[in-house]
Amino acid sequence: MDQEVLTVAQVAKYLQISEMTTYKLVQQGKIPAFKIGRHWRVKKEDLAEFIEKRKKGERI
């Protein structure tokens, strides 16, 4: 993951979950994201923070 900003597809691939699940998590605000036009984007540092919280046992 070199980019600072990732697409939903890139996040899904990285987390090894479906794009549909990733969209749901993004739309529910569970994965921090923002929209550019009609497209969701996730900052790499926000994704890293999301992963760390999961590792510490916080529920989604």
Protein backbone atom coordinates (compact mmCIF):
# COMPACT_ATOMS: atom_id res chain seq x y z
CA MET A 1 0.00 0.00 0.00
CA ASP A 2 2.08 2.91 -1.26
CA GLN A 3 -0.73 5.38 -1.89
CA GLU A 4 -1.89 7.74 0.80
CA VAL A 5 -5.52 7.35 -0.33
CA LEU A 6 -7.14 4.03 -1.24
CA THR A 7 -10.27 3.07 -3.16
CA VAL A 8 -12.88 0.78 -1.64
CA ALA A 9 -11.66 -1.99 -3.96
CA GLN A 10 -8.08 -1.55 -2.70
CA VAL A 11 -9.25 -1.59 0.94
CA ALA A 12 -11.31 -4.75 0.31
CA LYS A 13 -8.35 -6.47 -1.31
CA TYR A 14 -6.00 -5.43 1.49
CA LEU A 15 -8.40 -6.63 4.22
CA GLN A 16 -9.32 -9.71 2.15
CA ILE A 17 -13.03 -9.04 2.46
CA SER A 18 -15.64 -8.38 -0.22
CA GLU A 19 -16.13 -4.94 -1.73
CA MET A 20 -19.78 -5.10 -0.62
CA THR A 21 -18.74 -5.60 3.01
CA THR A 22 -16.19 -2.81 2.68
CA TYR A 23 -18.84 -0.43 1.26
CA LYS A 24 -21.15 -1.27 4.18
CA LEU A 25 -18.41 -0.58 6.75
CA VAL A 26 -17.55 2.70 5.02
CA GLN A 27 -21.17 3.85 4.69
CA GLN A 28 -21.83 2.99 8.36
CA GLY A 29 -18.81 5.06 9.33
CA LYS A 30 -16.98 2.08 10.81
CA ILE A 31 -14.08 2.52 8.42
CA PRO A 32 -13.31 6.27 8.26
CA ALA A 33 -13.72 7.45 4.66
CA PHE A 34 -14.63 10.45 2.54
CA LYS A 35 -16.26 10.98 -0.81
CA ILE A 36 -14.77 12.53 -3.91
CA GLY A 37 -17.72 13.00 -6.23
CA ARG A 38 -19.55 9.67 -6.03
CA HIS A 39 -16.48 7.66 -5.05
CA TRP A 40 -15.43 6.71 -1.52
CA ARG A 41 -11.79 6.99 -0.54
CA VAL A 42 -9.98 5.84 2.60
CA LYS A 43 -6.81 7.42 3.95
CA LYS A 44 -4.12 4.81 4.54
CA GLU A 45 -3.47 6.11 8.07
CA ASP A 46 -7.20 5.85 8.92
CA LEU A 47 -7.23 2.24 7.70
CA ALA A 48 -4.16 1.46 9.84
CA GLU A 49 -5.94 2.97 12.86
CA PHE A 50 -9.06 0.89 12.10
CA ILE A 51 -6.91 -2.28 12.00
CA GLU A 52 -5.16 -1.40 15.28
CA LYS A 53 -8.51 -0.94 17.03
CA ARG A 54 -9.64 -4.36 15.80
CA LYS A 55 -6.39 -5.90 17.06
CA LYS A 56 -7.09 -4.44 20.50
CA GLY A 57 -10.44 -6.19 20.48
CA GLU A 58 -12.74 -3.25 19.81
CA ARG A 59 -15.92 -4.38 18.14
CA ILE A 60 -16.93 -3.09 14.73
